[in-house]
PDB file of N, CA and C in Angstrom:
ATOM      1  N   MET A   1      99.418 120.728 116.850  1.00  0.00           N
ATOM      2  CA  MET A   1     100.747 120.191 116.999  1.00  0.00           C
ATOM      3  C   MET A   1     101.319 120.763 118.285  1.00  0.00           C
ATOM      4  N   GLY A   2     101.582 119.908 119.238  1.00  0.00           N
ATOM      5  CA  GLY A   2     102.208 120.332 120.464  1.00  0.00           C
ATOM      6  C   GLY A   2     103.691 120.031 120.393  1.00  0.00           C
ATOM      7  N   LYS A   3     104.514 120.985 120.756  1.00  0.00           N
ATOM      8  CA  LYS A   3     105.956 120.795 120.631  1.00  0.00           C
ATOM      9  C   LYS A   3     106.432 119.730 121.602  1.00  0.00           C
ATOM     10  N   ALA A   4     107.076 118.705 121.037  1.00  0.00           N
ATOM     11  CA  ALA A   4     107.700 117.687 121.870  1.00  0.00           C
ATOM     12  C   ALA A   4     108.915 118.313 122.545  1.00  0.00           C
ATOM     13  N   SER A   5     109.162 117.965 123.792  1.00  0.00           N
ATOM     14  CA  SER A   5     110.261 118.574 124.544  1.00  0.00           C
ATOM     15  C   SER A   5     111.617 118.328 123.900  1.00  0.00           C
ATOM     16  N   TYR A   6     111.737 117.283 123.103  1.00  0.00           N
ATOM     17  CA  TYR A   6     113.001 116.930 122.464  1.00  0.00           C
ATOM     18  C   TYR A   6     113.073 117.377 120.999  1.00  0.00           C
ATOM     19  N   ALA A   7     112.028 118.008 120.484  1.00  0.00           N
ATOM     20  CA  ALA A   7     111.986 118.389 119.062  1.00  0.00           C
ATOM     21  C   ALA A   7     112.803 119.646 118.800  1.00  0.00           C
ATOM     22  N   ASN A   8     113.519 119.640 117.683  1.00  0.00           N
ATOM     23  CA  ASN A   8     114.208 120.837 117.201  1.00  0.00           C
ATOM     24  C   ASN A   8     113.223 121.641 116.374  1.00  0.00           C
ATOM     25  N   THR A   9     113.233 122.950 116.541  1.00  0.00           N
ATOM     26  CA  THR A   9     112.375 123.827 115.757  1.00  0.00           C
ATOM     27  C   THR A   9     113.212 124.455 114.653  1.00  0.00           C
ATOM     28  N   VAL A  10     112.743 124.317 113.409  1.00  0.00           N
ATOM     29  CA  VAL A  10     113.456 124.877 112.264  1.00  0.00           C
ATOM     30  C   VAL A  10     112.474 125.613 111.361  1.00  0.00           C
ATOM     31  N   THR A  11     113.025 126.486 110.543  1.00  0.00           N
ATOM     32  CA  THR A  11     112.258 127.142 109.489  1.00  0.00           C
ATOM     33  C   THR A  11     112.807 126.640 108.172  1.00  0.00           C
ATOM     34  N   LEU A  12     111.947 125.957 107.398  1.00  0.00           N
ATOM     35  CA  LEU A  12     112.379 125.477 106.086  1.00  0.00           C
ATOM     36  C   LEU A  12     112.548 126.654 105.143  1.00  0.00           C
ATOM     37  N   PRO A  13     113.421 126.534 104.142  1.00  0.00           N
ATOM     38  CA  PRO A  13     113.591 127.625 103.178  1.00  0.00           C
ATOM     39  C   PRO A  13     112.266 127.935 102.477  1.00  0.00           C
ATOM     40  N   THR A  14     111.983 129.221 102.301  1.00  0.00           N
ATOM     41  CA  THR A  14     110.767 129.639 101.608  1.00  0.00           C
ATOM     42  C   THR A  14     110.749 129.057 100.202  1.00  0.00           C
ATOM     43  N   ALA A  15     109.577 128.599  99.790  1.00  0.00           N
ATOM     44  CA  ALA A  15     109.412 128.038  98.449  1.00  0.00           C
ATOM     45  C   ALA A  15     108.290 128.783  97.738  1.00  0.00           C
ATOM     46  N   GLU A  16     108.340 128.775  96.413  1.00  0.00           N
ATOM     47  CA  GLU A  16     107.319 129.454  95.623  1.00  0.00           C
ATOM     48  C   GLU A  16     106.428 128.432  94.940  1.00  0.00           C
ATOM     49  N   LYS A  17     105.118 128.630  95.089  1.00  0.00           N
ATOM     50  CA  LYS A  17     104.148 127.733  94.467  1.00  0.00           C
ATOM     51  C   LYS A  17     104.385 127.696  92.953  1.00  0.00           C
ATOM     52  N   GLY A  18     104.411 126.483  92.391  1.00  0.00           N
ATOM     53  CA  GLY A  18     104.609 126.301  90.958  1.00  0.00           C
ATOM     54  C   GLY A  18     106.057 126.188  90.537  1.00  0.00           C
ATOM     55  N   ASP A  19     106.977 126.540  91.439  1.00  0.00           N
ATOM     56  CA  ASP A  19     108.406 126.427  91.141  1.00  0.00           C
ATOM     57  C   ASP A  19     108.969 125.167  91.786  1.00  0.00           C
ATOM     58  N   THR A  20     110.177 124.808  91.371  1.00  0.00           N
ATOM     59  CA  THR A  20     110.837 123.644  91.952  1.00  0.00           C
ATOM     60  C   THR A  20     111.546 124.039  93.243  1.00  0.00           C
ATOM     61  N   PHE A  21     111.181 123.380  94.320  1.00  0.00           N
ATOM     62  CA  PHE A  21     111.864 123.495  95.602  1.00  0.00           C
ATOM     63  C   PHE A  21     113.117 122.639  95.480  1.00  0.00           C
ATOM     64  N   THR A  22     114.273 123.176  95.799  1.00  0.00           N
ATOM     65  CA  THR A  22     115.526 122.456  95.562  1.00  0.00           C
ATOM     66  C   THR A  22     115.798 121.353  96.583  1.00  0.00           C
ATOM     67  N   GLY A  23     114.985 121.270  97.607  1.00  0.00           N
ATOM     68  CA  GLY A  23     115.158 120.241  98.614  1.00  0.00           C
ATOM     69  C   GLY A  23     115.823 120.785  99.861  1.00  0.00           C
ATOM     70  N   TRP A  24     115.896 119.942 100.876  1.00  0.00           N
ATOM     71  CA  TRP A  24     116.462 120.330 102.167  1.00  0.00           C
ATOM     72  C   TRP A  24     117.031 119.075 102.805  1.00  0.00           C
ATOM     73  N   GLN A  25     118.300 119.114 103.165  1.00  0.00           N
ATOM     74  CA  GLN A  25     118.967 117.935 103.717  1.00  0.00           C
ATOM     75  C   GLN A  25     119.426 118.210 105.146  1.00  0.00           C
ATOM     76  N   ARG A  26     119.401 117.170 105.947  1.00  0.00           N
ATOM     77  CA  ARG A  26     119.755 117.331 107.362  1.00  0.00           C
ATOM     78  C   ARG A  26     120.341 116.029 107.905  1.00  0.00           C
ATOM     79  N   ILE A  27     121.165 116.149 108.929  1.00  0.00           N
ATOM     80  CA  ILE A  27     121.630 114.999 109.697  1.00  0.00           C
ATOM     81  C   ILE A  27     120.836 114.997 110.995  1.00  0.00           C
ATOM     82  N   LEU A  28     120.155 113.900 111.274  1.00  0.00           N
ATOM     83  CA  LEU A  28     119.387 113.808 112.512  1.00  0.00           C
ATOM     84  C   LEU A  28     120.324 113.454 113.659  1.00  0.00           C
ATOM     85  N   LYS A  29     120.412 114.378 114.606  1.00  0.00           N
ATOM     86  CA  LYS A  29     121.190 114.147 115.815  1.00  0.00           C
ATOM     87  C   LYS A  29     120.253 114.269 117.011  1.00  0.00           C
ATOM     88  N   VAL A  30     120.423 113.380 117.962  1.00  0.00           N
ATOM     89  CA  VAL A  30     119.644 113.411 119.191  1.00  0.00           C
ATOM     90  C   VAL A  30     120.642 113.529 120.344  1.00  0.00           C
ATOM     91  N   ASN A  31     120.508 114.610 121.093  1.00  0.00           N
ATOM     92  CA  ASN A  31     121.459 114.903 122.180  1.00  0.00           C
ATOM     93  C   ASN A  31     122.898 114.913 121.670  1.00  0.00           C
ATOM     94  N   GLY A  32     123.084 115.456 120.464  1.00  0.00           N
ATOM     95  CA  GLY A  32     124.409 115.598 119.881  1.00  0.00           C
ATOM     96  C   GLY A  32     124.969 114.341 119.234  1.00  0.00           C
ATOM     97  N   VAL A  33     124.193 113.262 119.240  1.00  0.00           N
ATOM     98  CA  VAL A  33     124.642 111.986 118.681  1.00  0.00           C
ATOM     99  C   VAL A  33     123.833 111.682 117.422  1.00  0.00           C
ATOM    100  N   VAL A  34     124.528 111.298 116.348  1.00  0.00           N
ATOM    101  CA  VAL A  34     123.853 110.945 115.099  1.00  0.00           C
ATOM    102  C   VAL A  34     122.911 109.776 115.344  1.00  0.00           C
ATOM    103  N   LYS A  35     121.675 109.906 114.849  1.00  0.00           N
ATOM    104  CA  LYS A  35     120.658 108.858 115.008  1.00  0.00           C
ATOM    105  C   LYS A  35     120.647 107.981 113.764  1.00  0.00           C
ATOM    106  N   ASP A  36     120.836 106.690 113.923  1.00  0.00           N
ATOM    107  CA  ASP A  36     120.822 105.736 112.818  1.00  0.00           C
ATOM    108  C   ASP A  36     119.388 105.615 112.290  1.00  0.00           C
ATOM    109  N   LEU A  37     119.208 105.808 110.994  1.00  0.00           N
ATOM    110  CA  LEU A  37     117.885 105.754 110.373  1.00  0.00           C
ATOM    111  C   LEU A  37     117.636 104.443 109.631  1.00  0.00           C
ATOM    112  N   THR A  38     118.456 103.430 109.861  1.00  0.00           N
ATOM    113  CA  THR A  38     118.273 102.140 109.195  1.00  0.00           C
ATOM    114  C   THR A  38     116.890 101.581 109.530  1.00  0.00           C
ATOM    115  N   GLY A  39     116.121 101.293 108.494  1.00  0.00           N
ATOM    116  CA  GLY A  39     114.780 100.744 108.658  1.00  0.00           C
ATOM    117  C   GLY A  39     113.714 101.749 109.048  1.00  0.00           C
ATOM    118  N   ALA A  40     114.080 103.021 109.109  1.00  0.00           N
ATOM    119  CA  ALA A  40     113.132 104.057 109.522  1.00  0.00           C
ATOM    120  C   ALA A  40     112.300 104.566 108.346  1.00  0.00           C
ATOM    121  N   THR A  41     111.177 105.171 108.672  1.00  0.00           N
ATOM    122  CA  THR A  41     110.391 105.935 107.707  1.00  0.00           C
ATOM    123  C   THR A  41     110.209 107.336 108.278  1.00  0.00           C
ATOM    124  N   ILE A  42     110.063 108.310 107.375  1.00  0.00           N
ATOM    125  CA  ILE A  42     109.909 109.701 107.792  1.00  0.00           C
ATOM    126  C   ILE A  42     108.696 110.270 107.065  1.00  0.00           C
ATOM    127  N   VAL A  43     107.849 110.945 107.814  1.00  0.00           N
ATOM    128  CA  VAL A  43     106.662 111.562 107.229  1.00  0.00           C
ATOM    129  C   VAL A  43     106.635 113.038 107.624  1.00  0.00           C
ATOM    130  N   LEU A  44     106.416 113.911 106.640  1.00  0.00           N
ATOM    131  CA  LEU A  44     106.250 115.345 106.870  1.00  0.00           C
ATOM    132  C   LEU A  44     104.769 115.650 106.777  1.00  0.00           C
ATOM    133  N   THR A  45     104.241 116.331 107.786  1.00  0.00           N
ATOM    134  CA  THR A  45     102.838 116.717 107.791  1.00  0.00           C
ATOM    135  C   THR A  45     102.753 118.232 107.861  1.00  0.00           C
ATOM    136  N   LEU A  46     101.992 118.829 106.932  1.00  0.00           N
ATOM    137  CA  LEU A  46     101.740 120.270 106.954  1.00  0.00           C
ATOM    138  C   LEU A  46     100.415 120.519 107.663  1.00  0.00           C
ATOM    139  N   LYS A  47     100.411 121.511 108.535  1.00  0.00           N
ATOM    140  CA  LYS A  47      99.211 121.829 109.307  1.00  0.00           C
ATOM    141  C   LYS A  47      98.985 123.332 109.309  1.00  0.00           C
ATOM    142  N   GLN A  48      97.730 123.706 109.513  1.00  0.00           N
ATOM    143  CA  GLN A  48      97.400 125.110 109.712  1.00  0.00           C
ATOM    144  C   GLN A  48      96.231 125.164 110.684  1.00  0.00           C
ATOM    145  N   SER A  49      96.350 125.964 111.713  1.00  0.00           N
ATOM    146  CA  SER A  49      95.330 126.095 112.753  1.00  0.00           C
ATOM    147  C   SER A  49      94.939 124.736 113.319  1.00  0.00           C
ATOM    148  N   GLY A  50      95.927 123.858 113.501  1.00  0.00           N
ATOM    149  CA  GLY A  50      95.678 122.553 114.081  1.00  0.00           C
ATOM    150  C   GLY A  50      95.105 121.521 113.136  1.00  0.00           C
ATOM    151  N   GLU A  51      94.729 121.929 111.927  1.00  0.00           N
ATOM    152  CA  GLU A  51      94.146 121.014 110.945  1.00  0.00           C
ATOM    153  C   GLU A  51      95.244 120.454 110.045  1.00  0.00           C
ATOM    154  N   THR A  52      95.276 119.125 109.888  1.00  0.00           N
ATOM    155  CA  THR A  52      96.229 118.495 108.984  1.00  0.00           C
ATOM    156  C   THR A  52      95.791 118.751 107.557  1.00  0.00           C
ATOM    157  N   LEU A  53      96.677 119.337 106.757  1.00  0.00           N
ATOM    158  CA  LEU A  53      96.352 119.673 105.374  1.00  0.00           C
ATOM    159  C   LEU A  53      96.884 118.647 104.394  1.00  0.00           C
ATOM    160  N   THR A  54      98.090 118.158 104.626  1.00  0.00           N
ATOM    161  CA  THR A  54      98.667 117.153 103.729  1.00  0.00           C
ATOM    162  C   THR A  54      99.816 116.445 104.439  1.00  0.00           C
ATOM    163  N   THR A  55     100.093 115.256 103.964  1.00  0.00           N
ATOM    164  CA  THR A  55     101.179 114.459 104.517  1.00  0.00           C
ATOM    165  C   THR A  55     102.039 113.965 103.372  1.00  0.00           C
ATOM    166  N   VAL A  56     103.357 114.061 103.533  1.00  0.00           N
ATOM    167  CA  VAL A  56     104.305 113.624 102.508  1.00  0.00           C
ATOM    168  C   VAL A  56     105.247 112.615 103.140  1.00  0.00           C
ATOM    169  N   GLY A  57     105.358 111.457 102.513  1.00  0.00           N
ATOM    170  CA  GLY A  57     106.278 110.433 103.010  1.00  0.00           C
ATOM    171  C   GLY A  57     107.062 109.864 101.861  1.00  0.00           C
ATOM    172  N   ALA A  58     106.813 108.595 101.552  1.00  0.00           N
ATOM    173  CA  ALA A  58     107.506 107.931 100.449  1.00  0.00           C
ATOM    174  C   ALA A  58     107.321 108.733  99.171  1.00  0.00           C
ATOM    175  N   GLY A  59     108.412 108.942  98.460  1.00  0.00           N
ATOM    176  CA  GLY A  59     108.352 109.717  97.232  1.00  0.00           C
ATOM    177  C   GLY A  59     108.575 111.198  97.447  1.00  0.00           C
ATOM    178  N   GLY A  60     108.643 111.640  98.692  1.00  0.00           N
ATOM    179  CA  GLY A  60     108.870 113.050  98.968  1.00  0.00           C
ATOM    180  C   GLY A  60     109.986 113.277  99.964  1.00  0.00           C
ATOM    181  N   ILE A  61     110.350 112.199 100.674  1.00  0.00           N
ATOM    182  CA  ILE A  61     111.435 112.255 101.656  1.00  0.00           C
ATOM    183  C   ILE A  61     112.311 111.029 101.432  1.00  0.00           C
ATOM    184  N   THR A  62     113.616 111.248 101.413  1.00  0.00           N
ATOM    185  CA  THR A  62     114.558 110.166 101.152  1.00  0.00           C
ATOM    186  C   THR A  62     115.562 110.063 102.290  1.00  0.00           C
ATOM    187  N   ILE A  63     115.817 108.836 102.738  1.00  0.00           N
ATOM    188  CA  ILE A  63     116.921 108.601 103.659  1.00  0.00           C
ATOM    189  C   ILE A  63     118.152 108.405 102.778  1.00  0.00           C
ATOM    190  N   VAL A  64     119.099 109.321 102.886  1.00  0.00           N
ATOM    191  CA  VAL A  64     120.272 109.354 102.013  1.00  0.00           C
ATOM    192  C   VAL A  64     121.321 108.352 102.474  1.00  0.00           C
ATOM    193  N   THR A  65     121.723 108.437 103.727  1.00  0.00           N
ATOM    194  CA  THR A  65     122.697 107.515 104.322  1.00  0.00           C
ATOM    195  C   THR A  65     122.193 107.170 105.716  1.00  0.00           C
ATOM    196  N   ALA A  66     121.539 106.019 105.828  1.00  0.00           N
ATOM    197  CA  ALA A  66     120.845 105.649 107.065  1.00  0.00           C
ATOM    198  C   ALA A  66     121.762 105.639 108.285  1.00  0.00           C
ATOM    199  N   ALA A  67     122.903 104.972 108.196  1.00  0.00           N
ATOM    200  CA  ALA A  67     123.792 104.844 109.351  1.00  0.00           C
ATOM    201  C   ALA A  67     124.330 106.192 109.817  1.00  0.00           C
ATOM    202  N   SER A  68     124.398 107.158 108.908  1.00  0.00           N
ATOM    203  CA  SER A  68     124.904 108.495 109.246  1.00  0.00           C
ATOM    204  C   SER A  68     123.786 109.475 109.587  1.00  0.00           C
ATOM    205  N   GLY A  69     122.535 108.991 109.597  1.00  0.00           N
ATOM    206  CA  GLY A  69     121.406 109.843 109.974  1.00  0.00           C
ATOM    207  C   GLY A  69     121.037 110.905 108.962  1.00  0.00           C
ATOM    208  N   ILE A  70     121.479 110.747 107.704  1.00  0.00           N
ATOM    209  CA  ILE A  70     121.243 111.783 106.690  1.00  0.00           C
ATOM    210  C   ILE A  70     119.951 111.493 105.932  1.00  0.00           C
ATOM    211  N   PHE A  71     119.074 112.506 105.897  1.00  0.00           N
ATOM    212  CA  PHE A  71     117.825 112.401 105.143  1.00  0.00           C
ATOM    213  C   PHE A  71     117.582 113.724 104.433  1.00  0.00           C
ATOM    214  N   LYS A  72     116.642 113.713 103.488  1.00  0.00           N
ATOM    215  CA  LYS A  72     116.322 114.964 102.800  1.00  0.00           C
ATOM    216  C   LYS A  72     114.852 114.995 102.387  1.00  0.00           C
ATOM    217  N   ILE A  73     114.341 116.213 102.344  1.00  0.00           N
ATOM    218  CA  ILE A  73     113.070 116.463 101.674  1.00  0.00           C
ATOM    219  C   ILE A  73     113.462 116.653 100.219  1.00  0.00           C
ATOM    220  N   ASP A  74     112.903 115.834  99.340  1.00  0.00           N
ATOM    221  CA  ASP A  74     113.321 115.810  97.942  1.00  0.00           C
ATOM    222  C   ASP A  74     112.973 117.096  97.202  1.00  0.00           C
ATOM    223  N   ALA A  75     113.754 117.378  96.154  1.00  0.00           N
ATOM    224  CA  ALA A  75     113.403 118.452  95.222  1.00  0.00           C
ATOM    225  C   ALA A  75     112.054 118.097  94.605  1.00  0.00           C
ATOM    226  N   GLN A  76     111.192 119.081  94.469  1.00  0.00           N
ATOM    227  CA  GLN A  76     109.851 118.829  93.934  1.00  0.00           C
ATOM    228  C   GLN A  76     109.199 120.144  93.520  1.00  0.00           C
ATOM    229  N   ILE A  77     108.257 120.052  92.604  1.00  0.00           N
ATOM    230  CA  ILE A  77     107.475 121.227  92.225  1.00  0.00           C
ATOM    231  C   ILE A  77     106.432 121.443  93.311  1.00  0.00           C
ATOM    232  N   ILE A  78     106.385 122.639  93.845  1.00  0.00           N
ATOM    233  CA  ILE A  78     105.483 122.951  94.956  1.00  0.00           C
ATOM    234  C   ILE A  78     104.074 123.200  94.434  1.00  0.00           C
ATOM    235  N   THR A  79     103.149 122.409  94.934  1.00  0.00           N
ATOM    236  CA  THR A  79     101.731 122.544  94.549  1.00  0.00           C
ATOM    237  C   THR A  79     100.870 123.002  95.719  1.00  0.00           C
ATOM    238  N   PHE A  80     101.473 123.164  96.885  1.00  0.00           N
ATOM    239  CA  PHE A  80     100.726 123.595  98.058  1.00  0.00           C
ATOM    240  C   PHE A  80     100.276 125.049  97.899  1.00  0.00           C
ATOM    241  N   ALA A  81      99.146 125.397  98.496  1.00  0.00           N
ATOM    242  CA  ALA A  81      98.651 126.773  98.466  1.00  0.00           C
ATOM    243  C   ALA A  81      99.653 127.700  99.153  1.00  0.00           C
ATOM    244  N   ALA A  82      99.731 128.932  98.658  1.00  0.00           N
ATOM    245  CA  ALA A  82     100.631 129.926  99.249  1.00  0.00           C
ATOM    246  C   ALA A  82     100.107 130.321 100.632  1.00  0.00           C
ATOM    247  N   ARG A  83     100.925 130.098 101.648  1.00  0.00           N
ATOM    248  CA  ARG A  83     100.615 130.467 103.033  1.00  0.00           C
ATOM    249  C   ARG A  83     101.771 130.011 103.919  1.00  0.00           C
ATOM    250  N   LYS A  84     101.704 130.366 105.172  1.00  0.00           N
ATOM    251  CA  LYS A  84     102.691 129.900 106.138  1.00  0.00           C
ATOM    252  C   LYS A  84     102.115 128.669 106.835  1.00  0.00           C
ATOM    253  N   TYR A  85     102.847 127.562 106.758  1.00  0.00           N
ATOM    254  CA  TYR A  85     102.418 126.305 107.355  1.00  0.00           C
ATOM    255  C   TYR A  85     103.231 125.992 108.598  1.00  0.00           C
ATOM    256  N   ASN A  86     102.634 125.251 109.498  1.00  0.00           N
ATOM    257  CA  ASN A  86     103.376 124.559 110.545  1.00  0.00           C
ATOM    258  C   ASN A  86     103.639 123.172 109.987  1.00  0.00           C
ATOM    259  N   PHE A  87     104.758 122.584 110.350  1.00  0.00           N
ATOM    260  CA  PHE A  87     105.031 121.231 109.880  1.00  0.00           C
ATOM    261  C   PHE A  87     105.671 120.431 111.001  1.00  0.00           C
ATOM    262  N   GLU A  88     105.610 119.126 110.836  1.00  0.00           N
ATOM    263  CA  GLU A  88     106.358 118.243 111.723  1.00  0.00           C
ATOM    264  C   GLU A  88     106.907 117.092 110.903  1.00  0.00           C
ATOM    265  N   LEU A  89     108.087 116.637 111.280  1.00  0.00           N
ATOM    266  CA  LEU A  89     108.709 115.455 110.684  1.00  0.00           C
ATOM    267  C   LEU A  89     108.662 114.350 111.732  1.00  0.00           C
ATOM    268  N   VAL A  90     107.914 113.307 111.415  1.00  0.00           N
ATOM    269  CA  VAL A  90     107.735 112.192 112.345  1.00  0.00           C
ATOM    270  C   VAL A  90     108.553 111.011 111.843  1.00  0.00           C
ATOM    271  N   PHE A  91     109.400 110.493 112.704  1.00  0.00           N
ATOM    272  CA  PHE A  91     110.284 109.382 112.392  1.00  0.00           C
ATOM    273  C   PHE A  91     109.729 108.126 113.053  1.00  0.00           C
ATOM    274  N   THR A  92     109.533 107.072 112.258  1.00  0.00           N
ATOM    275  CA  THR A  92     109.148 105.770 112.796  1.00  0.00           C
ATOM    276  C   THR A  92     110.326 104.839 112.557  1.00  0.00           C
ATOM    277  N   PHE A  93     110.877 104.314 113.636  1.00  0.00           N
ATOM    278  CA  PHE A  93     112.076 103.494 113.562  1.00  0.00           C
ATOM    279  C   PHE A  93     111.727 102.015 113.426  1.00  0.00           C
ATOM    280  N   ALA A  94     112.714 101.219 113.053  1.00  0.00           N
ATOM    281  CA  ALA A  94     112.521  99.787 112.816  1.00  0.00           C
ATOM    282  C   ALA A  94     111.910  99.081 114.026  1.00  0.00           C
ATOM    283  N   ASP A  95     112.190  99.581 115.232  1.00  0.00           N
ATOM    284  CA  ASP A  95     111.632  98.959 116.442  1.00  0.00           C
ATOM    285  C   ASP A  95     110.237  99.484 116.773  1.00  0.00           C
ATOM    286  N   THR A  96     109.632 100.239 115.852  1.00  0.00           N
ATOM    287  CA  THR A  96     108.287 100.850 115.924  1.00  0.00           C
ATOM    288  C   THR A  96     108.210 102.077 116.835  1.00  0.00           C
ATOM    289  N   THR A  97     109.345 102.534 117.369  1.00  0.00           N
ATOM    290  CA  THR A  97     109.355 103.781 118.131  1.00  0.00           C
ATOM    291  C   THR A  97     109.017 104.932 117.194  1.00  0.00           C
ATOM    292  N   VAL A  98     108.147 105.838 117.641  1.00  0.00           N
ATOM    293  CA  VAL A  98     107.742 107.006 116.850  1.00  0.00           C
ATOM    294  C   VAL A  98     108.170 108.257 117.596  1.00  0.00           C
ATOM    295  N   LYS A  99     108.898 109.142 116.888  1.00  0.00           N
ATOM    296  CA  LYS A  99     109.372 110.385 117.500  1.00  0.00           C
ATOM    297  C   LYS A  99     109.218 111.544 116.523  1.00  0.00           C
ATOM    298  N   THR A 100     108.750 112.678 117.035  1.00  0.00           N
ATOM    299  CA  THR A 100     108.688 113.916 116.262  1.00  0.00           C
ATOM    300  C   THR A 100     109.925 114.727 116.636  1.00  0.00           C
ATOM    301  N   TYR A 101     111.011 114.505 115.881  1.00  0.00           N
ATOM    302  CA  TYR A 101     112.276 115.140 116.217  1.00  0.00           C
ATOM    303  C   TYR A 101     112.428 116.540 115.642  1.00  0.00           C
ATOM    304  N   ILE A 102     111.672 116.864 114.596  1.00  0.00           N
ATOM    305  CA  ILE A 102     111.818 118.176 113.960  1.00  0.00           C
ATOM    306  C   ILE A 102     110.427 118.732 113.670  1.00  0.00           C
ATOM    307  N   GLU A 103     110.236 120.001 113.980  1.00  0.00           N
ATOM    308  CA  GLU A 103     109.003 120.700 113.635  1.00  0.00           C
ATOM    309  C   GLU A 103     109.324 122.172 113.444  1.00  0.00           C
ATOM    310  N   GLY A 104     108.391 122.878 112.836  1.00  0.00           N
ATOM    311  CA  GLY A 104     108.637 124.287 112.617  1.00  0.00           C
ATOM    312  C   GLY A 104     107.654 124.892 111.634  1.00  0.00           C
ATOM    313  N   THR A 105     108.162 125.838 110.808  1.00  0.00           N
ATOM    314  CA  THR A 105     107.300 126.525 109.838  1.00  0.00           C
ATOM    315  C   THR A 105     107.917 126.439 108.445  1.00  0.00           C
ATOM    316  N   TRP A 106     107.025 126.550 107.468  1.00  0.00           N
ATOM    317  CA  TRP A 106     107.426 126.550 106.067  1.00  0.00           C
ATOM    318  C   TRP A 106     106.507 127.509 105.320  1.00  0.00           C
ATOM    319  N   THR A 107     107.095 128.529 104.718  1.00  0.00           N
ATOM    320  CA  THR A 107     106.320 129.535 103.984  1.00  0.00           C
ATOM    321  C   THR A 107     106.372 129.231 102.498  1.00  0.00           C
ATOM    322  N   ILE A 108     105.185 129.167 101.899  1.00  0.00           N
ATOM    323  CA  ILE A 108     105.033 129.005 100.441  1.00  0.00           C
ATOM    324  C   ILE A 108     104.472 130.330  99.933  1.00  0.00           C
ATOM    325  N   THR A 109     105.118 130.905  98.925  1.00  0.00           N
ATOM    326  CA  THR A 109     104.677 132.179  98.357  1.00  0.00           C
ATOM    327  C   THR A 109     104.089 131.965  96.972  1.00  0.00           C
ATOM    328  N   ASP A 110     103.383 132.979  96.473  1.00  0.00           N
ATOM    329  CA  ASP A 110     102.847 132.947  95.089  1.00  0.00           C
ATOM    330  C   ASP A 110     103.882 133.416  94.120  1.00  0.00           C
TER     331      ASP A 110
END
């Protein structure tokens, strides 16, 4: 995963394997302006040492209010192995533009 020059780097809240992750919500802003997510899809990919381990999209990420740019990683029981992951959130817009606006790390503990 190479950092896109426009990507925000974040650290997701630590989650515990086997427990319910309460979710994470964000407003997507680009250059300080809310990005309309109407017709968009969002995919979260977990990686380690450059290898893609899993991808979460429909059923794991929800666009809450498209026009306001609000989306969330849904509450879910964590089944991923305990470790520190790199992740990226890739947004595909209605016009087929693809952008990796958010990336960072996510630690899963035992």
